[in-house]
Amino acid sequence: LFAGYIVAEPVFSPIEGQYEEYVTVTLFSIEEFDIYYTMNGEEPDATYGTLYDEDEGIPLEEAGEYEIKAVCVNEKGICSEVVGAEYEVELLPPEYPTVTPDGGRITSETIITIEAEENCSIYYTWVGTDPTQFATKYEAPLEIPYGNNVLSVLVVDDETGLDSGVYRTNFIYYP
């Protein structure tokens, strides 16, 4: 009797909460009705809000707080209850690199390896200046140059652009 007049509310995935990486929110309608949503805390309906596109989801691609409200609307224009979820995206910078060996006095030819988290790029300088994304990119083990040298290393997350901060170590190489 009431089948065409009762509309189930949309379901959010993932659950609301804090995330340390970008996240795409997906919405589901049990009855495959249209879903409208807002990201400004206002109540959506068939005339106000964005029509949800299941192929795109709702990408949260910037750090910040998001209040998403959503509603299902059937073919008769009847709306479900409005439901909401709050998300906080707080991106963490990558860890400092692991440099092996980690500086010191060297008396024989030695190779240095630098490791960082997955999906990160490594940049370095040998002159003690701060490396940037325009410095030499680490792609293979390095030979320690002759003399007293400061290796400065920066790790940059390829997805977020956040960096680890500069890591420095000193190599003194006299054979």
N, C-alpha and C. Protein backbone atom coordinates (compact mmCIF):
# COMPACT_ATOMS: atom_id res chain seq x y z
N LEU A 1 0.81 -1.19 0.00
CA LEU A 1 0.00 0.00 0.00
C LEU A 1 0.87 1.27 0.00
N PHE A 2 1.96 1.24 0.80
CA PHE A 2 2.81 2.44 0.91
C PHE A 2 4.12 2.29 0.13
N ALA A 3 4.26 1.24 -0.68
CA ALA A 3 5.52 0.94 -1.34
C ALA A 3 6.06 2.12 -2.15
N GLY A 4 5.25 2.85 -2.86
CA GLY A 4 5.73 3.96 -3.67
C GLY A 4 5.93 5.24 -2.91
N TYR A 5 5.62 5.22 -1.59
CA TYR A 5 5.68 6.45 -0.79
C TYR A 5 6.72 6.41 0.32
N ILE A 6 7.34 5.26 0.50
CA ILE A 6 8.39 5.15 1.50
C ILE A 6 9.71 4.95 0.76
N VAL A 7 10.63 5.84 1.00
CA VAL A 7 11.91 5.82 0.29
C VAL A 7 13.02 5.63 1.31
N ALA A 8 13.84 4.60 1.10
CA ALA A 8 14.96 4.34 2.01
C ALA A 8 16.04 5.40 1.81
N GLU A 9 16.68 5.78 2.90
CA GLU A 9 17.72 6.81 2.85
C GLU A 9 19.01 6.25 2.24
N PRO A 10 19.86 7.11 1.71
CA PRO A 10 21.12 6.65 1.12
C PRO A 10 22.09 6.17 2.19
N VAL A 11 23.05 5.38 1.74
CA VAL A 11 24.07 4.82 2.63
C VAL A 11 25.43 5.36 2.19
N PHE A 12 26.24 5.80 3.15
CA PHE A 12 27.58 6.36 2.89
C PHE A 12 28.64 5.27 3.02
N SER A 13 29.66 5.38 2.17
CA SER A 13 30.83 4.54 2.30
C SER A 13 32.03 5.35 1.83
N PRO A 14 33.14 5.36 2.54
CA PRO A 14 33.37 4.74 3.83
C PRO A 14 32.62 5.49 4.93
N ILE A 15 32.66 4.94 6.13
CA ILE A 15 31.98 5.58 7.24
C ILE A 15 32.63 6.93 7.53
N GLU A 16 31.85 7.81 8.12
CA GLU A 16 32.40 9.14 8.43
C GLU A 16 33.55 9.00 9.42
N GLY A 17 34.43 10.00 9.42
CA GLY A 17 35.56 10.00 10.34
C GLY A 17 36.74 10.78 9.79
N GLN A 18 37.90 10.53 10.41
CA GLN A 18 39.13 11.21 10.02
C GLN A 18 39.94 10.30 9.11
N TYR A 19 40.52 10.89 8.07
CA TYR A 19 41.32 10.14 7.10
C TYR A 19 42.64 10.88 6.88
N GLU A 20 43.70 10.11 6.73
CA GLU A 20 45.04 10.68 6.53
C GLU A 20 45.45 10.65 5.06
N GLU A 21 44.49 10.46 4.18
CA GLU A 21 44.73 10.46 2.74
C GLU A 21 43.45 10.92 2.06
N TYR A 22 43.57 11.22 0.78
CA TYR A 22 42.38 11.61 0.04
C TYR A 22 41.42 10.42 0.03
N VAL A 23 40.14 10.72 0.03
CA VAL A 23 39.13 9.67 0.06
C VAL A 23 38.01 10.04 -0.91
N THR A 24 37.41 9.04 -1.52
CA THR A 24 36.23 9.25 -2.36
C THR A 24 35.04 8.63 -1.66
N VAL A 25 34.05 9.45 -1.38
CA VAL A 25 32.84 8.98 -0.71
C VAL A 25 31.89 8.44 -1.77
N THR A 26 31.34 7.26 -1.51
CA THR A 26 30.33 6.70 -2.40
C THR A 26 29.01 6.64 -1.66
N LEU A 27 27.93 6.84 -2.41
CA LEU A 27 26.58 6.79 -1.86
C LEU A 27 25.82 5.67 -2.56
N PHE A 28 24.98 4.97 -1.79
CA PHE A 28 24.20 3.87 -2.35
C PHE A 28 22.72 4.08 -2.07
N SER A 29 21.90 3.76 -3.05
CA SER A 29 20.45 3.76 -2.87
C SER A 29 20.00 2.31 -3.00
N ILE A 30 19.40 1.77 -1.97
CA ILE A 30 18.97 0.38 -1.98
C ILE A 30 18.01 0.12 -3.13
N GLU A 31 17.15 1.08 -3.43
CA GLU A 31 16.16 0.92 -4.49
C GLU A 31 16.61 1.52 -5.83
N GLU A 32 17.86 1.93 -5.91
CA GLU A 32 18.44 2.52 -7.11
C GLU A 32 17.73 3.80 -7.54
N PHE A 33 17.32 4.61 -6.56
CA PHE A 33 16.72 5.91 -6.85
C PHE A 33 17.83 6.94 -7.03
N ASP A 34 17.45 8.11 -7.54
CA ASP A 34 18.41 9.20 -7.65
C ASP A 34 18.81 9.66 -6.24
N ILE A 35 20.04 10.11 -6.13
CA ILE A 35 20.54 10.64 -4.86
C ILE A 35 21.00 12.07 -5.12
N TYR A 36 20.59 12.97 -4.25
CA TYR A 36 21.05 14.35 -4.30
C TYR A 36 21.84 14.62 -3.02
N TYR A 37 22.89 15.41 -3.14
CA TYR A 37 23.72 15.69 -1.96
C TYR A 37 24.19 17.14 -1.95
N THR A 38 24.58 17.57 -0.76
CA THR A 38 25.22 18.88 -0.59
C THR A 38 26.48 18.67 0.23
N MET A 39 27.39 19.62 0.12
CA MET A 39 28.63 19.56 0.90
C MET A 39 28.77 20.78 1.79
N ASN A 40 27.70 21.57 1.90
CA ASN A 40 27.75 22.79 2.70
C ASN A 40 26.87 22.70 3.95
N GLY A 41 26.39 21.50 4.27
CA GLY A 41 25.58 21.32 5.46
C GLY A 41 24.10 21.61 5.25
N GLU A 42 23.72 22.09 4.07
CA GLU A 42 22.31 22.38 3.80
C GLU A 42 21.59 21.09 3.40
N GLU A 43 20.27 21.09 3.56
CA GLU A 43 19.46 19.91 3.27
C GLU A 43 19.16 19.81 1.78
N PRO A 44 19.55 18.71 1.14
CA PRO A 44 19.26 18.55 -0.28
C PRO A 44 17.85 17.99 -0.52
N ASP A 45 17.35 18.21 -1.73
CA ASP A 45 16.12 17.57 -2.18
C ASP A 45 16.18 17.51 -3.71
N ALA A 46 15.10 17.20 -4.37
CA ALA A 46 15.10 17.05 -5.83
C ALA A 46 15.34 18.37 -6.56
N THR A 47 15.20 19.50 -5.86
CA THR A 47 15.41 20.80 -6.51
C THR A 47 16.68 21.50 -6.04
N TYR A 48 17.22 21.06 -4.91
CA TYR A 48 18.42 21.70 -4.38
C TYR A 48 19.44 20.61 -4.03
N GLY A 49 20.60 20.74 -4.59
CA GLY A 49 21.66 19.77 -4.34
C GLY A 49 22.24 19.30 -5.66
N THR A 50 23.27 18.50 -5.56
CA THR A 50 23.95 17.95 -6.72
C THR A 50 23.49 16.52 -6.93
N LEU A 51 23.14 16.18 -8.17
CA LEU A 51 22.76 14.80 -8.48
C LEU A 51 24.00 13.93 -8.39
N TYR A 52 23.95 12.90 -7.59
CA TYR A 52 25.09 12.02 -7.36
C TYR A 52 25.39 11.20 -8.61
N ASP A 53 26.66 11.14 -8.99
CA ASP A 53 27.13 10.34 -10.13
C ASP A 53 27.93 9.18 -9.57
N GLU A 54 27.40 7.97 -9.70
CA GLU A 54 28.07 6.81 -9.11
C GLU A 54 29.41 6.49 -9.76
N ASP A 55 29.64 6.96 -10.98
CA ASP A 55 30.93 6.73 -11.63
C ASP A 55 32.02 7.62 -11.05
N GLU A 56 31.65 8.77 -10.51
CA GLU A 56 32.63 9.71 -9.96
C GLU A 56 32.72 9.66 -8.45
N GLY A 57 31.61 9.34 -7.77
CA GLY A 57 31.59 9.43 -6.32
C GLY A 57 31.74 10.89 -5.91
N ILE A 58 32.14 11.08 -4.67
CA ILE A 58 32.40 12.44 -4.16
C ILE A 58 33.85 12.47 -3.70
N PRO A 59 34.76 12.90 -4.58
CA PRO A 59 36.18 12.91 -4.20
C PRO A 59 36.50 14.04 -3.22
N LEU A 60 37.11 13.70 -2.13
CA LEU A 60 37.58 14.69 -1.15
C LEU A 60 39.08 14.82 -1.38
N GLU A 61 39.46 15.77 -2.22
CA GLU A 61 40.83 15.88 -2.72
C GLU A 61 41.61 17.03 -2.12
N GLU A 62 41.12 17.57 -1.02
CA GLU A 62 41.86 18.61 -0.32
C GLU A 62 41.74 18.34 1.16
N ALA A 63 42.74 18.75 1.91
CA ALA A 63 42.67 18.63 3.36
C ALA A 63 41.58 19.56 3.86
N GLY A 64 40.85 19.12 4.86
CA GLY A 64 39.80 19.96 5.43
C GLY A 64 38.67 19.14 6.00
N GLU A 65 37.63 19.85 6.41
CA GLU A 65 36.45 19.21 6.99
C GLU A 65 35.30 19.30 6.00
N TYR A 66 34.55 18.22 5.89
CA TYR A 66 33.44 18.13 4.95
C TYR A 66 32.19 17.64 5.68
N GLU A 67 31.07 18.32 5.46
CA GLU A 67 29.79 17.86 5.98
C GLU A 67 28.90 17.57 4.77
N ILE A 68 28.70 16.29 4.50
CA ILE A 68 27.92 15.88 3.34
C ILE A 68 26.53 15.43 3.82
N LYS A 69 25.50 15.95 3.17
CA LYS A 69 24.13 15.52 3.45
C LYS A 69 23.56 14.97 2.15
N ALA A 70 22.76 13.90 2.26
CA ALA A 70 22.24 13.25 1.07
C ALA A 70 20.81 12.79 1.28
N VAL A 71 20.09 12.64 0.16
CA VAL A 71 18.70 12.20 0.18
C VAL A 71 18.44 11.37 -1.09
N CYS A 72 17.63 10.33 -0.96
CA CYS A 72 17.17 9.57 -2.13
C CYS A 72 15.83 10.13 -2.57
N VAL A 73 15.61 10.17 -3.88
CA VAL A 73 14.36 10.68 -4.44
C VAL A 73 13.84 9.66 -5.44
N ASN A 74 12.58 9.20 -5.23
CA ASN A 74 12.03 8.21 -6.16
C ASN A 74 11.44 8.89 -7.39
N GLU A 75 10.89 8.07 -8.30
CA GLU A 75 10.35 8.59 -9.55
C GLU A 75 9.13 9.50 -9.35
N LYS A 76 8.49 9.43 -8.18
CA LYS A 76 7.34 10.30 -7.89
C LYS A 76 7.77 11.61 -7.23
N GLY A 77 9.09 11.76 -7.01
CA GLY A 77 9.61 12.96 -6.37
C GLY A 77 9.56 12.91 -4.86
N ILE A 78 9.26 11.75 -4.30
CA ILE A 78 9.20 11.59 -2.85
C ILE A 78 10.60 11.35 -2.32
N CYS A 79 10.95 12.08 -1.27
CA CYS A 79 12.30 12.02 -0.71
C CYS A 79 12.36 11.13 0.53
N SER A 80 13.52 10.54 0.70
CA SER A 80 13.82 9.82 1.94
C SER A 80 14.15 10.85 3.01
N GLU A 81 14.44 10.37 4.18
CA GLU A 81 14.98 11.27 5.20
C GLU A 81 16.38 11.70 4.77
N VAL A 82 16.75 12.90 5.13
CA VAL A 82 18.09 13.39 4.83
C VAL A 82 19.05 12.80 5.86
N VAL A 83 20.17 12.25 5.37
CA VAL A 83 21.19 11.71 6.26
C VAL A 83 22.49 12.45 5.98
N GLY A 84 23.36 12.47 6.95
CA GLY A 84 24.61 13.18 6.79
C GLY A 84 25.79 12.41 7.34
N ALA A 85 26.96 12.82 6.90
CA ALA A 85 28.21 12.24 7.38
C ALA A 85 29.26 13.34 7.36
N GLU A 86 30.15 13.30 8.35
CA GLU A 86 31.23 14.29 8.43
C GLU A 86 32.57 13.60 8.23
N TYR A 87 33.39 14.20 7.39
CA TYR A 87 34.71 13.67 7.08
C TYR A 87 35.75 14.75 7.34
N GLU A 88 36.88 14.31 7.84
CA GLU A 88 38.01 15.22 7.99
C GLU A 88 39.21 14.57 7.31
N VAL A 89 39.78 15.29 6.37
CA VAL A 89 40.96 14.81 5.65
C VAL A 89 42.15 15.61 6.17
N GLU A 90 43.04 14.92 6.86
CA GLU A 90 44.25 15.55 7.40
C GLU A 90 45.43 14.77 6.85
N LEU A 91 46.05 15.33 5.84
CA LEU A 91 47.14 14.65 5.17
C LEU A 91 48.43 14.75 5.98
N LEU A 92 49.11 13.64 6.13
CA LEU A 92 50.37 13.62 6.86
C LEU A 92 51.53 13.66 5.88
N PRO A 93 52.58 14.39 6.23
CA PRO A 93 53.76 14.42 5.35
C PRO A 93 54.47 13.08 5.41
N PRO A 94 55.27 12.77 4.40
CA PRO A 94 56.03 11.52 4.44
C PRO A 94 57.10 11.57 5.53
N GLU A 95 57.54 10.39 5.94
CA GLU A 95 58.61 10.27 6.93
C GLU A 95 59.94 10.71 6.30
N TYR A 96 60.92 11.01 7.16
CA TYR A 96 62.26 11.30 6.67
C TYR A 96 62.80 10.06 5.94
N PRO A 97 63.75 10.25 5.04
CA PRO A 97 64.31 9.11 4.32
C PRO A 97 65.23 8.28 5.21
N THR A 98 65.50 7.08 4.76
CA THR A 98 66.51 6.23 5.39
C THR A 98 67.74 6.28 4.49
N VAL A 99 68.84 6.81 5.02
CA VAL A 99 70.09 6.94 4.27
C VAL A 99 71.07 5.91 4.83
N THR A 100 71.63 5.05 3.94
CA THR A 100 72.54 4.00 4.37
C THR A 100 73.80 4.04 3.52
N PRO A 101 74.99 4.19 4.12
CA PRO A 101 75.26 4.50 5.51
C PRO A 101 74.83 5.94 5.81
N ASP A 102 74.68 6.22 7.08
CA ASP A 102 74.13 7.51 7.49
C ASP A 102 75.23 8.47 7.94
N GLY A 103 76.13 8.78 7.00
CA GLY A 103 77.18 9.75 7.29
C GLY A 103 78.37 9.13 8.01
N GLY A 104 79.36 9.98 8.27
CA GLY A 104 80.54 9.56 8.99
C GLY A 104 81.80 9.68 8.17
N ARG A 105 82.91 9.20 8.79
CA ARG A 105 84.21 9.18 8.09
C ARG A 105 84.31 7.92 7.26
N ILE A 106 84.64 8.11 6.00
CA ILE A 106 84.72 7.00 5.05
C ILE A 106 86.15 6.99 4.49
N THR A 107 86.77 5.79 4.45
CA THR A 107 88.14 5.69 3.94
C THR A 107 88.23 4.87 2.66
N SER A 108 87.12 4.29 2.24
CA SER A 108 87.13 3.53 0.98
C SER A 108 85.89 3.92 0.17
N GLU A 109 85.95 3.62 -1.13
CA GLU A 109 84.83 3.94 -2.00
C GLU A 109 83.55 3.30 -1.45
N THR A 110 82.50 4.10 -1.28
CA THR A 110 81.27 3.63 -0.66
C THR A 110 80.06 4.12 -1.44
N ILE A 111 79.05 3.27 -1.51
CA ILE A 111 77.80 3.60 -2.19
C ILE A 111 76.74 3.91 -1.13
N ILE A 112 75.95 4.96 -1.40
CA ILE A 112 74.87 5.36 -0.49
C ILE A 112 73.53 4.99 -1.13
N THR A 113 72.64 4.41 -0.33
CA THR A 113 71.28 4.18 -0.79
C THR A 113 70.34 5.05 0.05
N ILE A 114 69.28 5.49 -0.59
CA ILE A 114 68.27 6.32 0.09
C ILE A 114 66.92 5.66 -0.16
N GLU A 115 66.17 5.46 0.92
CA GLU A 115 64.85 4.85 0.79
C GLU A 115 63.79 5.78 1.39
N ALA A 116 62.58 5.71 0.80
CA ALA A 116 61.45 6.51 1.29
C ALA A 116 60.18 5.69 1.14
N GLU A 117 59.10 6.23 1.68
CA GLU A 117 57.81 5.56 1.59
C GLU A 117 57.40 5.39 0.13
N GLU A 118 56.49 4.45 -0.10
CA GLU A 118 55.96 4.21 -1.44
C GLU A 118 55.25 5.46 -1.95
N ASN A 119 55.27 5.65 -3.26
CA ASN A 119 54.63 6.80 -3.94
C ASN A 119 55.25 8.14 -3.55
N CYS A 120 56.54 8.12 -3.24
CA CYS A 120 57.27 9.34 -2.92
C CYS A 120 58.47 9.46 -3.83
N SER A 121 58.87 10.70 -4.10
CA SER A 121 60.10 10.98 -4.85
C SER A 121 61.13 11.54 -3.89
N ILE A 122 62.39 11.30 -4.20
CA ILE A 122 63.50 11.73 -3.35
C ILE A 122 64.37 12.69 -4.16
N TYR A 123 64.72 13.83 -3.54
CA TYR A 123 65.57 14.83 -4.16
C TYR A 123 66.74 15.11 -3.22
N TYR A 124 67.91 15.46 -3.80
CA TYR A 124 69.08 15.67 -2.94
C TYR A 124 70.03 16.70 -3.52
N THR A 125 70.86 17.23 -2.61
CA THR A 125 71.99 18.07 -3.00
C THR A 125 73.20 17.62 -2.18
N TRP A 126 74.40 17.91 -2.68
CA TRP A 126 75.63 17.58 -1.96
C TRP A 126 76.29 18.81 -1.37
N VAL A 127 75.76 19.99 -1.58
CA VAL A 127 76.45 21.21 -1.16
C VAL A 127 75.86 21.83 0.10
N GLY A 128 74.95 21.12 0.76
CA GLY A 128 74.38 21.62 2.01
C GLY A 128 73.18 22.53 1.84
N THR A 129 72.80 22.84 0.59
CA THR A 129 71.62 23.67 0.37
C THR A 129 70.36 22.81 0.48
N ASP A 130 69.24 23.47 0.72
CA ASP A 130 67.98 22.75 0.83
C ASP A 130 67.53 22.28 -0.56
N PRO A 131 67.31 20.98 -0.72
CA PRO A 131 66.79 20.51 -2.01
C PRO A 131 65.31 20.86 -2.15
N THR A 132 64.88 20.99 -3.39
CA THR A 132 63.47 21.20 -3.72
C THR A 132 63.11 20.16 -4.78
N GLN A 133 61.91 20.27 -5.32
CA GLN A 133 61.51 19.36 -6.38
C GLN A 133 62.26 19.64 -7.68
N PHE A 134 63.08 20.69 -7.69
CA PHE A 134 63.88 21.01 -8.87
C PHE A 134 65.34 20.58 -8.69
N ALA A 135 65.67 19.99 -7.55
CA ALA A 135 67.02 19.47 -7.30
C ALA A 135 67.17 18.14 -8.04
N THR A 136 68.34 17.53 -7.89
CA THR A 136 68.59 16.24 -8.53
C THR A 136 67.69 15.18 -7.90
N LYS A 137 67.02 14.43 -8.75
CA LYS A 137 66.13 13.37 -8.28
C LYS A 137 66.94 12.09 -8.07
N TYR A 138 66.73 11.48 -6.93
CA TYR A 138 67.42 10.22 -6.62
C TYR A 138 66.77 9.10 -7.41
N GLU A 139 67.60 8.38 -8.19
CA GLU A 139 67.08 7.27 -8.98
C GLU A 139 67.93 6.03 -8.87
N ALA A 140 69.13 6.16 -8.32
CA ALA A 140 70.04 5.02 -8.17
C ALA A 140 71.02 5.33 -7.04
N PRO A 141 71.65 4.30 -6.47
CA PRO A 141 72.63 4.54 -5.40
C PRO A 141 73.69 5.56 -5.83
N LEU A 142 74.18 6.31 -4.83
CA LEU A 142 75.14 7.39 -5.07
C LEU A 142 76.53 7.03 -4.58
N GLU A 143 77.54 7.53 -5.27
CA GLU A 143 78.90 7.43 -4.77
C GLU A 143 79.19 8.66 -3.93
N ILE A 144 79.92 8.47 -2.83
CA ILE A 144 80.27 9.59 -1.97
C ILE A 144 81.40 10.36 -2.64
N PRO A 145 81.21 11.67 -2.83
CA PRO A 145 82.29 12.46 -3.43
C PRO A 145 83.46 12.65 -2.45
N TYR A 146 84.62 12.86 -3.01
CA TYR A 146 85.83 13.08 -2.24
C TYR A 146 85.70 14.36 -1.43
N GLY A 147 86.14 14.34 -0.18
CA GLY A 147 86.16 15.54 0.65
C GLY A 147 85.11 15.50 1.75
N ASN A 148 84.84 16.68 2.29
CA ASN A 148 83.87 16.86 3.38
C ASN A 148 82.57 17.36 2.74
N ASN A 149 81.52 16.53 2.74
CA ASN A 149 80.29 16.85 2.02
C ASN A 149 79.06 16.68 2.90
N VAL A 150 78.11 17.58 2.71
CA VAL A 150 76.84 17.49 3.40
C VAL A 150 75.80 17.03 2.38
N LEU A 151 75.18 15.88 2.65
CA LEU A 151 74.09 15.37 1.81
C LEU A 151 72.78 15.84 2.41
N SER A 152 72.00 16.59 1.64
CA SER A 152 70.69 17.06 2.07
C SER A 152 69.64 16.36 1.22
N VAL A 153 68.63 15.78 1.89
CA VAL A 153 67.64 14.95 1.19
C VAL A 153 66.23 15.42 1.55
N LEU A 154 65.37 15.43 0.55
CA LEU A 154 63.97 15.80 0.72
C LEU A 154 63.10 14.71 0.10
N VAL A 155 62.09 14.26 0.84
CA VAL A 155 61.13 13.28 0.33
C VAL A 155 59.82 14.02 0.06
N VAL A 156 59.25 13.82 -1.14
CA VAL A 156 58.01 14.49 -1.53
C VAL A 156 56.97 13.42 -1.90
N ASP A 157 55.80 13.50 -1.29
CA ASP A 157 54.70 12.60 -1.62
C ASP A 157 54.17 12.98 -3.00
N ASP A 158 54.21 12.04 -3.94
CA ASP A 158 53.82 12.32 -5.32
C ASP A 158 52.35 12.69 -5.45
N GLU A 159 51.51 12.20 -4.55
CA GLU A 159 50.07 12.47 -4.65
C GLU A 159 49.67 13.78 -3.98
N THR A 160 50.19 14.04 -2.80
CA THR A 160 49.76 15.21 -2.04
C THR A 160 50.67 16.42 -2.21
N GLY A 161 51.92 16.19 -2.61
CA GLY A 161 52.88 17.28 -2.71
C GLY A 161 53.51 17.66 -1.38
N LEU A 162 53.08 17.00 -0.29
CA LEU A 162 53.67 17.29 1.02
C LEU A 162 55.09 16.73 1.08
N ASP A 163 55.95 17.39 1.87
CA ASP A 163 57.33 16.91 1.97
C ASP A 163 57.71 16.61 3.41
N SER A 164 58.79 15.85 3.54
CA SER A 164 59.26 15.38 4.84
C SER A 164 60.01 16.44 5.64
N GLY A 165 60.43 17.49 4.97
CA GLY A 165 61.40 18.39 5.57
C GLY A 165 62.78 17.88 5.17
N VAL A 166 63.77 18.73 5.28
CA VAL A 166 65.12 18.37 4.81
C VAL A 166 65.83 17.53 5.87
N TYR A 167 66.42 16.44 5.41
CA TYR A 167 67.24 15.56 6.24
C TYR A 167 68.68 15.76 5.80
N ARG A 168 69.59 16.01 6.78
CA ARG A 168 70.99 16.24 6.45
C ARG A 168 71.88 15.22 7.15
N THR A 169 72.93 14.86 6.44
CA THR A 169 73.96 14.01 7.03
C THR A 169 75.31 14.38 6.40
N ASN A 170 76.39 14.19 7.15
CA ASN A 170 77.72 14.62 6.71
C ASN A 170 78.60 13.40 6.41
N PHE A 171 79.23 13.44 5.25
CA PHE A 171 80.17 12.39 4.86
C PHE A 171 81.56 13.02 4.68
N ILE A 172 82.53 12.44 5.32
CA ILE A 172 83.92 12.87 5.17
C ILE A 172 84.67 11.70 4.53
N TYR A 173 85.02 11.89 3.24
CA TYR A 173 85.65 10.81 2.48
C TYR A 173 87.05 11.23 2.05
N TYR A 174 88.03 10.62 2.75
CA TYR A 174 89.44 10.77 2.39
C TYR A 174 90.04 9.37 2.40
N PRO A 175 90.36 8.82 1.21
CA PRO A 175 90.92 7.46 1.16
C PRO A 175 92.32 7.38 1.76
